[in-house]
Amino acid sequence: NYMGWYRQAPGKQRELVAGITSGGNTNYADSVKGRFTISRDNAKNTVY
């Protein structure tokens, strides 16, 4: 249904970086908008 990337820096909580639904809708953390791009290949069950 959903694939996403999170990150955790030392001493900090894990946070959402970017996510993408099965329909291709995406969302991004404000800190990475314009710099990071999430995509997925459903045939390969892979997210980038």
ModelCIF file with pLDDT and N, C-alpha, C, O atoms, coordinates in Angstrom:
data_MODEL
#
_entry.id   MODEL 
#
_entity.id                         1 
_entity.type                       polymer 
_entity.pdbx_number_of_molecules   1 
#
_entity_poly.entity_id                      1 
_entity_poly.type                           'polypeptide(L)' 
_entity_poly.nstd_linkage                   no 
_entity_poly.nstd_monomer                   no 
_entity_poly.pdbx_seq_one_letter_code       NYMGWYRQAPGKQRELVAGITSGGNTNYADSVKGRFTISRDNAKNTVY 
_entity_poly.pdbx_seq_one_letter_code_can   NYMGWYRQAPGKQRELVAGITSGGNTNYADSVKGRFTISRDNAKNTVY 
_entity_poly.pdbx_strand_id                 A 
#
loop_
_entity_poly_seq.entity_id 
_entity_poly_seq.num 
_entity_poly_seq.mon_id 
_entity_poly_seq.hetero 
1 1  ASN n 
1 2  TYR n 
1 3  MET n 
1 4  GLY n 
1 5  TRP n 
1 6  TYR n 
1 7  ARG n 
1 8  GLN n 
1 9  ALA n 
1 10 PRO n 
1 11 GLY n 
1 12 LYS n 
1 13 GLN n 
1 14 ARG n 
1 15 GLU n 
1 16 LEU n 
1 17 VAL n 
1 18 ALA n 
1 19 GLY n 
1 20 ILE n 
1 21 THR n 
1 22 SER n 
1 23 GLY n 
1 24 GLY n 
1 25 ASN n 
1 26 THR n 
1 27 ASN n 
1 28 TYR n 
1 29 ALA n 
1 30 ASP n 
1 31 SER n 
1 32 VAL n 
1 33 LYS n 
1 34 GLY n 
1 35 ARG n 
1 36 PHE n 
1 37 THR n 
1 38 ILE n 
1 39 SER n 
1 40 ARG n 
1 41 ASP n 
1 42 ASN n 
1 43 ALA n 
1 44 LYS n 
1 45 ASN n 
1 46 THR n 
1 47 VAL n 
1 48 TYR n 
#
_struct_asym.id          A 
_struct_asym.entity_id   1 
#
loop_
_ma_qa_metric.id 
_ma_qa_metric.mode 
_ma_qa_metric.name 
_ma_qa_metric.software_group_id 
_ma_qa_metric.type 
1 global pLDDT . pLDDT 
2 local  pLDDT . pLDDT 
#
_ma_qa_metric_global.metric_id      1 
_ma_qa_metric_global.metric_value   95.69 
_ma_qa_metric_global.model_id       1 
_ma_qa_metric_global.ordinal_id     1 
#
loop_
_ma_qa_metric_local.label_asym_id 
_ma_qa_metric_local.label_comp_id 
_ma_qa_metric_local.label_seq_id 
_ma_qa_metric_local.metric_id 
_ma_qa_metric_local.metric_value 
_ma_qa_metric_local.model_id 
_ma_qa_metric_local.ordinal_id 
A ASN 1  2 88.00 1 1  
A TYR 2  2 93.00 1 2  
A MET 3  2 95.00 1 3  
A GLY 4  2 97.00 1 4  
A TRP 5  2 98.00 1 5  
A TYR 6  2 98.00 1 6  
A ARG 7  2 98.00 1 7  
A GLN 8  2 98.00 1 8  
A ALA 9  2 97.00 1 9  
A PRO 10 2 92.00 1 10 
A GLY 11 2 95.00 1 11 
A LYS 12 2 96.00 1 12 
A GLN 13 2 97.00 1 13 
A ARG 14 2 97.00 1 14 
A GLU 15 2 98.00 1 15 
A LEU 16 2 98.00 1 16 
A VAL 17 2 98.00 1 17 
A ALA 18 2 98.00 1 18 
A GLY 19 2 98.00 1 19 
A ILE 20 2 97.00 1 20 
A THR 21 2 93.00 1 21 
A SER 22 2 89.00 1 22 
A GLY 23 2 90.00 1 23 
A GLY 24 2 92.00 1 24 
A ASN 25 2 96.00 1 25 
A THR 26 2 97.00 1 26 
A ASN 27 2 97.00 1 27 
A TYR 28 2 98.00 1 28 
A ALA 29 2 98.00 1 29 
A ASP 30 2 98.00 1 30 
A SER 31 2 97.00 1 31 
A VAL 32 2 98.00 1 32 
A LYS 33 2 98.00 1 33 
A GLY 34 2 97.00 1 34 
A ARG 35 2 98.00 1 35 
A PHE 36 2 98.00 1 36 
A THR 37 2 98.00 1 37 
A ILE 38 2 98.00 1 38 
A SER 39 2 97.00 1 39 
A ARG 40 2 94.00 1 40 
A ASP 41 2 93.00 1 41 
A ASN 42 2 89.00 1 42 
A ALA 43 2 90.00 1 43 
A LYS 44 2 92.00 1 44 
A ASN 45 2 92.00 1 45 
A THR 46 2 95.00 1 46 
A VAL 47 2 97.00 1 47 
A TYR 48 2 98.00 1 48 
#
loop_
_atom_site.group_PDB 
_atom_site.id 
_atom_site.type_symbol 
_atom_site.label_atom_id 
_atom_site.label_alt_id 
_atom_site.label_comp_id 
_atom_site.label_asym_id 
_atom_site.label_entity_id 
_atom_site.label_seq_id 
_atom_site.pdbx_PDB_ins_code 
_atom_site.Cartn_x 
_atom_site.Cartn_y 
_atom_site.Cartn_z 
_atom_site.occupancy 
_atom_site.B_iso_or_equiv 
_atom_site.pdbx_formal_charge 
_atom_site.auth_seq_id 
_atom_site.auth_comp_id 
_atom_site.auth_asym_id 
_atom_site.auth_atom_id 
_atom_site.pdbx_PDB_model_num 
ATOM 1   N N  . ASN A 1 1  ? 0.806  -1.209 0.000   1.00 88.00 ? 1  ASN A N  1 
ATOM 2   C CA . ASN A 1 1  ? 0.000  0.000  0.000   1.00 88.00 ? 1  ASN A CA 1 
ATOM 3   C C  . ASN A 1 1  ? 0.845  1.268  0.000   1.00 88.00 ? 1  ASN A C  1 
ATOM 4   O O  . ASN A 1 1  ? 0.504  2.269  -0.630  1.00 88.00 ? 1  ASN A O  1 
ATOM 5   N N  . TYR A 1 2  ? 1.957  1.196  0.725   1.00 93.00 ? 2  TYR A N  1 
ATOM 6   C CA . TYR A 1 2  ? 2.743  2.410  0.957   1.00 93.00 ? 2  TYR A CA 1 
ATOM 7   C C  . TYR A 1 2  ? 4.200  2.029  1.063   1.00 93.00 ? 2  TYR A C  1 
ATOM 8   O O  . TYR A 1 2  ? 4.537  0.979  1.611   1.00 93.00 ? 2  TYR A O  1 
ATOM 9   N N  . MET A 1 3  ? 5.077  2.890  0.533   1.00 95.00 ? 3  MET A N  1 
ATOM 10  C CA . MET A 1 3  ? 6.512  2.718  0.670   1.00 95.00 ? 3  MET A CA 1 
ATOM 11  C C  . MET A 1 3  ? 7.090  4.073  1.056   1.00 95.00 ? 3  MET A C  1 
ATOM 12  O O  . MET A 1 3  ? 6.675  5.109  0.536   1.00 95.00 ? 3  MET A O  1 
ATOM 13  N N  . GLY A 1 4  ? 8.044  4.053  1.966   1.00 97.00 ? 4  GLY A N  1 
ATOM 14  C CA . GLY A 1 4  ? 8.594  5.328  2.403   1.00 97.00 ? 4  GLY A CA 1 
ATOM 15  C C  . GLY A 1 4  ? 10.001 5.214  2.927   1.00 97.00 ? 4  GLY A C  1 
ATOM 16  O O  . GLY A 1 4  ? 10.526 4.125  3.157   1.00 97.00 ? 4  GLY A O  1 
ATOM 17  N N  . TRP A 1 5  ? 10.593 6.373  3.108   1.00 98.00 ? 5  TRP A N  1 
ATOM 18  C CA . TRP A 1 5  ? 11.935 6.476  3.686   1.00 98.00 ? 5  TRP A CA 1 
ATOM 19  C C  . TRP A 1 5  ? 11.865 7.338  4.934   1.00 98.00 ? 5  TRP A C  1 
ATOM 20  O O  . TRP A 1 5  ? 11.244 8.401  4.946   1.00 98.00 ? 5  TRP A O  1 
ATOM 21  N N  . TYR A 1 6  ? 12.510 6.860  5.972   1.00 98.00 ? 6  TYR A N  1 
ATOM 22  C CA . TYR A 1 6  ? 12.646 7.580  7.221   1.00 98.00 ? 6  TYR A CA 1 
ATOM 23  C C  . TYR A 1 6  ? 14.139 7.698  7.527   1.00 98.00 ? 6  TYR A C  1 
ATOM 24  O O  . TYR A 1 6  ? 14.966 6.994  6.947   1.00 98.00 ? 6  TYR A O  1 
ATOM 25  N N  . ARG A 1 7  ? 14.459 8.593  8.441   1.00 98.00 ? 7  ARG A N  1 
ATOM 26  C CA . ARG A 1 7  ? 15.861 8.700  8.847   1.00 98.00 ? 7  ARG A CA 1 
ATOM 27  C C  . ARG A 1 7  ? 15.955 9.005  10.327  1.00 98.00 ? 7  ARG A C  1 
ATOM 28  O O  . ARG A 1 7  ? 15.044 9.566  10.935  1.00 98.00 ? 7  ARG A O  1 
ATOM 29  N N  . GLN A 1 8  ? 17.094 8.613  10.885  1.00 98.00 ? 8  GLN A N  1 
ATOM 30  C CA . GLN A 1 8  ? 17.347 8.863  12.295  1.00 98.00 ? 8  GLN A CA 1 
ATOM 31  C C  . GLN A 1 8  ? 18.786 9.288  12.473  1.00 98.00 ? 8  GLN A C  1 
ATOM 32  O O  . GLN A 1 8  ? 19.717 8.536  12.184  1.00 98.00 ? 8  GLN A O  1 
ATOM 33  N N  . ALA A 1 9  ? 18.951 10.503 12.951  1.00 97.00 ? 9  ALA A N  1 
ATOM 34  C CA . ALA A 1 9  ? 20.286 11.030 13.251  1.00 97.00 ? 9  ALA A CA 1 
ATOM 35  C C  . ALA A 1 9  ? 20.610 10.733 14.714  1.00 97.00 ? 9  ALA A C  1 
ATOM 36  O O  . ALA A 1 9  ? 19.699 10.519 15.514  1.00 97.00 ? 9  ALA A O  1 
ATOM 37  N N  . PRO A 1 10 ? 21.882 10.718 15.071  1.00 92.00 ? 10 PRO A N  1 
ATOM 38  C CA . PRO A 1 10 ? 22.263 10.430 16.465  1.00 92.00 ? 10 PRO A CA 1 
ATOM 39  C C  . PRO A 1 10 ? 21.591 11.386 17.438  1.00 92.00 ? 10 PRO A C  1 
ATOM 40  O O  . PRO A 1 10 ? 21.640 12.603 17.263  1.00 92.00 ? 10 PRO A O  1 
ATOM 41  N N  . GLY A 1 11 ? 20.965 10.826 18.459  1.00 95.00 ? 11 GLY A N  1 
ATOM 42  C CA . GLY A 1 11 ? 20.327 11.640 19.478  1.00 95.00 ? 11 GLY A CA 1 
ATOM 43  C C  . GLY A 1 11 ? 18.981 12.210 19.089  1.00 95.00 ? 11 GLY A C  1 
ATOM 44  O O  . GLY A 1 11 ? 18.388 12.980 19.845  1.00 95.00 ? 11 GLY A O  1 
ATOM 45  N N  . LYS A 1 12 ? 18.490 11.840 17.912  1.00 96.00 ? 12 LYS A N  1 
ATOM 46  C CA . LYS A 1 12 ? 17.211 12.370 17.446  1.00 96.00 ? 12 LYS A CA 1 
ATOM 47  C C  . LYS A 1 12 ? 16.230 11.247 17.182  1.00 96.00 ? 12 LYS A C  1 
ATOM 48  O O  . LYS A 1 12 ? 16.608 10.084 17.049  1.00 96.00 ? 12 LYS A O  1 
ATOM 49  N N  . GLN A 1 13 ? 14.949 11.622 17.109  1.00 97.00 ? 13 GLN A N  1 
ATOM 50  C CA . GLN A 1 13 ? 13.924 10.638 16.808  1.00 97.00 ? 13 GLN A CA 1 
ATOM 51  C C  . GLN A 1 13 ? 13.906 10.328 15.306  1.00 97.00 ? 13 GLN A C  1 
ATOM 52  O O  . GLN A 1 13 ? 14.339 11.132 14.481  1.00 97.00 ? 13 GLN A O  1 
ATOM 53  N N  . ARG A 1 14 ? 13.394 9.145  14.984  1.00 97.00 ? 14 ARG A N  1 
ATOM 54  C CA . ARG A 1 14 ? 13.231 8.796  13.585  1.00 97.00 ? 14 ARG A CA 1 
ATOM 55  C C  . ARG A 1 14 ? 12.151 9.690  12.978  1.00 97.00 ? 14 ARG A C  1 
ATOM 56  O O  . ARG A 1 14 ? 11.108 9.932  13.586  1.00 97.00 ? 14 ARG A O  1 
ATOM 57  N N  . GLU A 1 15 ? 12.425 10.175 11.762  1.00 98.00 ? 15 GLU A N  1 
ATOM 58  C CA . GLU A 1 15 ? 11.482 11.080 11.127  1.00 98.00 ? 15 GLU A CA 1 
ATOM 59  C C  . GLU A 1 15 ? 11.222 10.659 9.691   1.00 98.00 ? 15 GLU A C  1 
ATOM 60  O O  . GLU A 1 15 ? 12.060 10.036 9.040   1.00 98.00 ? 15 GLU A O  1 
ATOM 61  N N  . LEU A 1 16 ? 10.032 11.018 9.218   1.00 98.00 ? 16 LEU A N  1 
ATOM 62  C CA . LEU A 1 16 ? 9.677  10.747 7.832   1.00 98.00 ? 16 LEU A CA 1 
ATOM 63  C C  . LEU A 1 16 ? 10.491 11.647 6.912   1.00 98.00 ? 16 LEU A C  1 
ATOM 64  O O  . LEU A 1 16 ? 10.633 12.845 7.159   1.00 98.00 ? 16 LEU A O  1 
ATOM 65  N N  . VAL A 1 17 ? 11.021 11.051 5.848   1.00 98.00 ? 17 VAL A N  1 
ATOM 66  C CA . VAL A 1 17 ? 11.698 11.827 4.812   1.00 98.00 ? 17 VAL A CA 1 
ATOM 67  C C  . VAL A 1 17 ? 10.772 11.994 3.614   1.00 98.00 ? 17 VAL A C  1 
ATOM 68  O O  . VAL A 1 17 ? 10.528 13.107 3.149   1.00 98.00 ? 17 VAL A O  1 
ATOM 69  N N  . ALA A 1 18 ? 10.258 10.859 3.121   1.00 98.00 ? 18 ALA A N  1 
ATOM 70  C CA . ALA A 1 18 ? 9.371  10.898 1.962   1.00 98.00 ? 18 ALA A CA 1 
ATOM 71  C C  . ALA A 1 18 ? 8.583  9.604  1.900   1.00 98.00 ? 18 ALA A C  1 
ATOM 72  O O  . ALA A 1 18 ? 9.052  8.558  2.348   1.00 98.00 ? 18 ALA A O  1 
ATOM 73  N N  . GLY A 1 19 ? 7.378  9.680  1.341   1.00 98.00 ? 19 GLY A N  1 
ATOM 74  C CA . GLY A 1 19 ? 6.551  8.503  1.193   1.00 98.00 ? 19 GLY A CA 1 
ATOM 75  C C  . GLY A 1 19 ? 5.812  8.525  -0.132  1.00 98.00 ? 19 GLY A C  1 
ATOM 76  O O  . GLY A 1 19 ? 5.620  9.581  -0.734  1.00 98.00 ? 19 GLY A O  1 
ATOM 77  N N  . ILE A 1 20 ? 5.395  7.331  -0.583  1.00 97.00 ? 20 ILE A N  1 
ATOM 78  C CA . ILE A 1 20 ? 4.670  7.240  -1.842  1.00 97.00 ? 20 ILE A CA 1 
ATOM 79  C C  . ILE A 1 20 ? 3.640  6.122  -1.726  1.00 97.00 ? 20 ILE A C  1 
ATOM 80  O O  . ILE A 1 20 ? 3.949  5.024  -1.262  1.00 97.00 ? 20 ILE A O  1 
ATOM 81  N N  . THR A 1 21 ? 2.422  6.412  -2.150  1.00 93.00 ? 21 THR A N  1 
ATOM 82  C CA . THR A 1 21 ? 1.355  5.422  -2.078  1.00 93.00 ? 21 THR A CA 1 
ATOM 83  C C  . THR A 1 21 ? 1.356  4.547  -3.329  1.00 93.00 ? 21 THR A C  1 
ATOM 84  O O  . THR A 1 21 ? 2.097  4.791  -4.281  1.00 93.00 ? 21 THR A O  1 
ATOM 85  N N  . SER A 1 22 ? 0.509  3.525  -3.300  1.00 89.00 ? 22 SER A N  1 
ATOM 86  C CA . SER A 1 22 ? 0.410  2.644  -4.460  1.00 89.00 ? 22 SER A CA 1 
ATOM 87  C C  . SER A 1 22 ? -0.091 3.395  -5.691  1.00 89.00 ? 22 SER A C  1 
ATOM 88  O O  . SER A 1 22 ? 0.183  3.000  -6.824  1.00 89.00 ? 22 SER A O  1 
ATOM 89  N N  . GLY A 1 23 ? -0.820 4.467  -5.462  1.00 90.00 ? 23 GLY A N  1 
ATOM 90  C CA . GLY A 1 23 ? -1.325 5.274  -6.566  1.00 90.00 ? 23 GLY A CA 1 
ATOM 91  C C  . GLY A 1 23 ? -0.366 6.331  -7.052  1.00 90.00 ? 23 GLY A C  1 
ATOM 92  O O  . GLY A 1 23 ? -0.654 7.046  -8.012  1.00 90.00 ? 23 GLY A O  1 
ATOM 93  N N  . GLY A 1 24 ? 0.779  6.437  -6.392  1.00 92.00 ? 24 GLY A N  1 
ATOM 94  C CA . GLY A 1 24 ? 1.791  7.390  -6.825  1.00 92.00 ? 24 GLY A CA 1 
ATOM 95  C C  . GLY A 1 24 ? 1.771  8.734  -6.130  1.00 92.00 ? 24 GLY A C  1 
ATOM 96  O O  . GLY A 1 24 ? 2.558  9.617  -6.470  1.00 92.00 ? 24 GLY A O  1 
ATOM 97  N N  . ASN A 1 25 ? 0.881  8.905  -5.158  1.00 96.00 ? 25 ASN A N  1 
ATOM 98  C CA . ASN A 1 25 ? 0.877  10.156 -4.399  1.00 96.00 ? 25 ASN A CA 1 
ATOM 99  C C  . ASN A 1 25 ? 2.084  10.195 -3.473  1.00 96.00 ? 25 ASN A C  1 
ATOM 100 O O  . ASN A 1 25 ? 2.424  9.199  -2.834  1.00 96.00 ? 25 ASN A O  1 
ATOM 101 N N  . THR A 1 26 ? 2.726  11.352 -3.407  1.00 97.00 ? 26 THR A N  1 
ATOM 102 C CA . THR A 1 26 ? 3.943  11.488 -2.622  1.00 97.00 ? 26 THR A CA 1 
ATOM 103 C C  . THR A 1 26 ? 3.798  12.558 -1.551  1.00 97.00 ? 26 THR A C  1 
ATOM 104 O O  . THR A 1 26 ? 2.982  13.472 -1.668  1.00 97.00 ? 26 THR A O  1 
ATOM 105 N N  . ASN A 1 27 ? 4.598  12.426 -0.511  1.00 97.00 ? 27 ASN A N  1 
ATOM 106 C CA . ASN A 1 27 ? 4.716  13.483 0.487   1.00 97.00 ? 27 ASN A CA 1 
ATOM 107 C C  . ASN A 1 27 ? 6.160  13.541 0.962   1.00 97.00 ? 27 ASN A C  1 
ATOM 108 O O  . ASN A 1 27 ? 6.868  12.534 0.977   1.00 97.00 ? 27 ASN A O  1 
ATOM 109 N N  . TYR A 1 28 ? 6.580  14.735 1.349   1.00 98.00 ? 28 TYR A N  1 
ATOM 110 C CA . TYR A 1 28 ? 7.974  14.970 1.719   1.00 98.00 ? 28 TYR A CA 1 
ATOM 111 C C  . TYR A 1 28 ? 8.061  15.789 2.997   1.00 98.00 ? 28 TYR A C  1 
ATOM 112 O O  . TYR A 1 28 ? 7.178  16.593 3.295   1.00 98.00 ? 28 TYR A O  1 
ATOM 113 N N  . ALA A 1 29 ? 9.127  15.576 3.742   1.00 98.00 ? 29 ALA A N  1 
ATOM 114 C CA . ALA A 1 29 ? 9.440  16.466 4.849   1.00 98.00 ? 29 ALA A CA 1 
ATOM 115 C C  . ALA A 1 29 ? 9.807  17.827 4.266   1.00 98.00 ? 29 ALA A C  1 
ATOM 116 O O  . ALA A 1 29 ? 10.408 17.902 3.194   1.00 98.00 ? 29 ALA A O  1 
ATOM 117 N N  . ASP A 1 30 ? 9.456  18.879 4.952   1.00 98.00 ? 30 ASP A N  1 
ATOM 118 C CA . ASP A 1 30 ? 9.760  20.222 4.458   1.00 98.00 ? 30 ASP A CA 1 
ATOM 119 C C  . ASP A 1 30 ? 11.256 20.410 4.213   1.00 98.00 ? 30 ASP A C  1 
ATOM 120 O O  . ASP A 1 30 ? 11.657 21.120 3.291   1.00 98.00 ? 30 ASP A O  1 
ATOM 121 N N  . SER A 1 31 ? 12.069 19.773 5.040   1.00 97.00 ? 31 SER A N  1 
ATOM 122 C CA . SER A 1 31 ? 13.513 19.970 4.963   1.00 97.00 ? 31 SER A CA 1 
ATOM 123 C C  . SER A 1 31 ? 14.143 19.390 3.698   1.00 97.00 ? 31 SER A C  1 
ATOM 124 O O  . SER A 1 31 ? 15.280 19.722 3.363   1.00 97.00 ? 31 SER A O  1 
ATOM 125 N N  . VAL A 1 32 ? 13.402 18.520 2.990   1.00 98.00 ? 32 VAL A N  1 
ATOM 126 C CA . VAL A 1 32 ? 13.975 17.875 1.802   1.00 98.00 ? 32 VAL A CA 1 
ATOM 127 C C  . VAL A 1 32 ? 13.238 18.238 0.519   1.00 98.00 ? 32 VAL A C  1 
ATOM 128 O O  . VAL A 1 32 ? 13.661 17.837 -0.566  1.00 98.00 ? 32 VAL A O  1 
ATOM 129 N N  . LYS A 1 33 ? 12.152 18.984 0.622   1.00 98.00 ? 33 LYS A N  1 
ATOM 130 C CA . LYS A 1 33 ? 11.383 19.360 -0.572  1.00 98.00 ? 33 LYS A CA 1 
ATOM 131 C C  . LYS A 1 33 ? 12.265 20.115 -1.552  1.00 98.00 ? 33 LYS A C  1 
ATOM 132 O O  . LYS A 1 33 ? 13.005 21.027 -1.183  1.00 98.00 ? 33 LYS A O  1 
ATOM 133 N N  . GLY A 1 34 ? 12.163 19.708 -2.811  1.00 97.00 ? 34 GLY A N  1 
ATOM 134 C CA . GLY A 1 34 ? 12.961 20.349 -3.847  1.00 97.00 ? 34 GLY A CA 1 
ATOM 135 C C  . GLY A 1 34 ? 14.342 19.745 -4.024  1.00 97.00 ? 34 GLY A C  1 
ATOM 136 O O  . GLY A 1 34 ? 15.033 20.037 -5.000  1.00 97.00 ? 34 GLY A O  1 
ATOM 137 N N  . ARG A 1 35 ? 14.744 18.901 -3.081  1.00 98.00 ? 35 ARG A N  1 
ATOM 138 C CA . ARG A 1 35 ? 16.077 18.268 -3.173  1.00 98.00 ? 35 ARG A CA 1 
ATOM 139 C C  . ARG A 1 35 ? 15.985 16.755 -3.335  1.00 98.00 ? 35 ARG A C  1 
ATOM 140 O O  . ARG A 1 35 ? 16.794 16.155 -4.041  1.00 98.00 ? 35 ARG A O  1 
ATOM 141 N N  . PHE A 1 36 ? 15.004 16.139 -2.685  1.00 98.00 ? 36 PHE A N  1 
ATOM 142 C CA . PHE A 1 36 ? 14.847 14.685 -2.726  1.00 98.00 ? 36 PHE A CA 1 
ATOM 143 C C  . PHE A 1 36 ? 13.629 14.321 -3.572  1.00 98.00 ? 36 PHE A C  1 
ATOM 144 O O  . PHE A 1 36 ? 12.644 15.059 -3.618  1.00 98.00 ? 36 PHE A O  1 
ATOM 145 N N  . THR A 1 37 ? 13.715 13.175 -4.236  1.00 98.00 ? 37 THR A N  1 
ATOM 146 C CA . THR A 1 37 ? 12.598 12.670 -5.021  1.00 98.00 ? 37 THR A CA 1 
ATOM 147 C C  . THR A 1 37 ? 12.402 11.193 -4.731  1.00 98.00 ? 37 THR A C  1 
ATOM 148 O O  . THR A 1 37 ? 13.337 10.401 -4.845  1.00 98.00 ? 37 THR A O  1 
ATOM 149 N N  . ILE A 1 38 ? 11.186 10.825 -4.357  1.00 98.00 ? 38 ILE A N  1 
ATOM 150 C CA . ILE A 1 38 ? 10.868 9.425  -4.126  1.00 98.00 ? 38 ILE A CA 1 
ATOM 151 C C  . ILE A 1 38 ? 10.129 8.884  -5.340  1.00 98.00 ? 38 ILE A C  1 
ATOM 152 O O  . ILE A 1 38 ? 9.319  9.583  -5.950  1.00 98.00 ? 38 ILE A O  1 
ATOM 153 N N  . SER A 1 39 ? 10.413 7.637  -5.683  1.00 97.00 ? 39 SER A N  1 
ATOM 154 C CA . SER A 1 39 ? 9.720  6.972  -6.786  1.00 97.00 ? 39 SER A CA 1 
ATOM 155 C C  . SER A 1 39 ? 9.653  5.484  -6.484  1.00 97.00 ? 39 SER A C  1 
ATOM 156 O O  . SER A 1 39 ? 10.348 4.986  -5.598  1.00 97.00 ? 39 SER A O  1 
ATOM 157 N N  . ARG A 1 40 ? 8.815  4.784  -7.225  1.00 94.00 ? 40 ARG A N  1 
ATOM 158 C CA . ARG A 1 40 ? 8.694  3.345  -6.996  1.00 94.00 ? 40 ARG A CA 1 
ATOM 159 C C  . ARG A 1 40 ? 8.479  2.626  -8.307  1.00 94.00 ? 40 ARG A C  1 
ATOM 160 O O  . ARG A 1 40 ? 7.921  3.169  -9.260  1.00 94.00 ? 40 ARG A O  1 
ATOM 161 N N  . ASP A 1 41 ? 8.943  1.378  -8.327  1.00 93.00 ? 41 ASP A N  1 
ATOM 162 C CA . ASP A 1 41 ? 8.716  0.478  -9.456  1.00 93.00 ? 41 ASP A CA 1 
ATOM 163 C C  . ASP A 1 41 ? 7.884  -0.667 -8.918  1.00 93.00 ? 41 ASP A C  1 
ATOM 164 O O  . ASP A 1 41 ? 8.406  -1.563 -8.254  1.00 93.00 ? 41 ASP A O  1 
ATOM 165 N N  . ASN A 1 42 ? 6.599  -0.642 -9.200  1.00 89.00 ? 42 ASN A N  1 
ATOM 166 C CA . ASN A 1 42 ? 5.700  -1.641 -8.627  1.00 89.00 ? 42 ASN A CA 1 
ATOM 167 C C  . ASN A 1 42 ? 6.014  -3.046 -9.132  1.00 89.00 ? 42 ASN A C  1 
ATOM 168 O O  . ASN A 1 42 ? 5.840  -4.020 -8.401  1.00 89.00 ? 42 ASN A O  1 
ATOM 169 N N  . ALA A 1 43 ? 6.468  -3.154 -10.354 1.00 90.00 ? 43 ALA A N  1 
ATOM 170 C CA . ALA A 1 43 ? 6.791  -4.476 -10.906 1.00 90.00 ? 43 ALA A CA 1 
ATOM 171 C C  . ALA A 1 43 ? 7.964  -5.119 -10.175 1.00 90.00 ? 43 ALA A C  1 
ATOM 172 O O  . ALA A 1 43 ? 8.067  -6.343 -10.101 1.00 90.00 ? 43 ALA A O  1 
ATOM 173 N N  . LYS A 1 44 ? 8.844  -4.281 -9.639  1.00 92.00 ? 44 LYS A N  1 
ATOM 174 C CA . LYS A 1 44 ? 10.025 -4.794 -8.935  1.00 92.00 ? 44 LYS A CA 1 
ATOM 175 C C  . LYS A 1 44 ? 9.884  -4.676 -7.423  1.00 92.00 ? 44 LYS A C  1 
ATOM 176 O O  . LYS A 1 44 ? 10.801 -5.037 -6.687  1.00 92.00 ? 44 LYS A O  1 
ATOM 177 N N  . ASN A 1 45 ? 8.740  -4.172 -6.951  1.00 92.00 ? 45 ASN A N  1 
ATOM 178 C CA . ASN A 1 45 ? 8.537  -3.955 -5.511  1.00 92.00 ? 45 ASN A CA 1 
ATOM 179 C C  . ASN A 1 45 ? 9.694  -3.155 -4.918  1.00 92.00 ? 45 ASN A C  1 
ATOM 180 O O  . ASN A 1 45 ? 10.207 -3.480 -3.847  1.00 92.00 ? 45 ASN A O  1 
ATOM 181 N N  . THR A 1 46 ? 10.085 -2.131 -5.613  1.00 95.00 ? 46 THR A N  1 
ATOM 182 C CA . THR A 1 46 ? 11.248 -1.342 -5.218  1.00 95.00 ? 46 THR A CA 1 
ATOM 183 C C  . THR A 1 46 ? 10.881 0.127  -5.105  1.00 95.00 ? 46 THR A C  1 
ATOM 184 O O  . THR A 1 46 ? 10.133 0.668  -5.919  1.00 95.00 ? 46 THR A O  1 
ATOM 185 N N  . VAL A 1 47 ? 11.425 0.755  -4.081  1.00 97.00 ? 47 VAL A N  1 
ATOM 186 C CA . VAL A 1 47 ? 11.265 2.198  -3.896  1.00 97.00 ? 47 VAL A CA 1 
ATOM 187 C C  . VAL A 1 47 ? 12.644 2.836  -3.917  1.00 97.00 ? 47 VAL A C  1 
ATOM 188 O O  . VAL A 1 47 ? 13.617 2.270  -3.417  1.00 97.00 ? 47 VAL A O  1 
ATOM 189 N N  . TYR A 1 48 ? 12.709 4.015  -4.500  1.00 98.00 ? 48 TYR A N  1 
ATOM 190 C CA . TYR A 1 48 ? 13.963 4.737  -4.631  1.00 98.00 ? 48 TYR A CA 1 
ATOM 191 C C  . TYR A 1 48 ? 13.858 6.093  -3.945  1.00 98.00 ? 48 TYR A C  1 
ATOM 192 O O  . TYR A 1 48 ? 14.820 6.861  -3.944  1.00 98.00 ? 48 TYR A O  1 
#
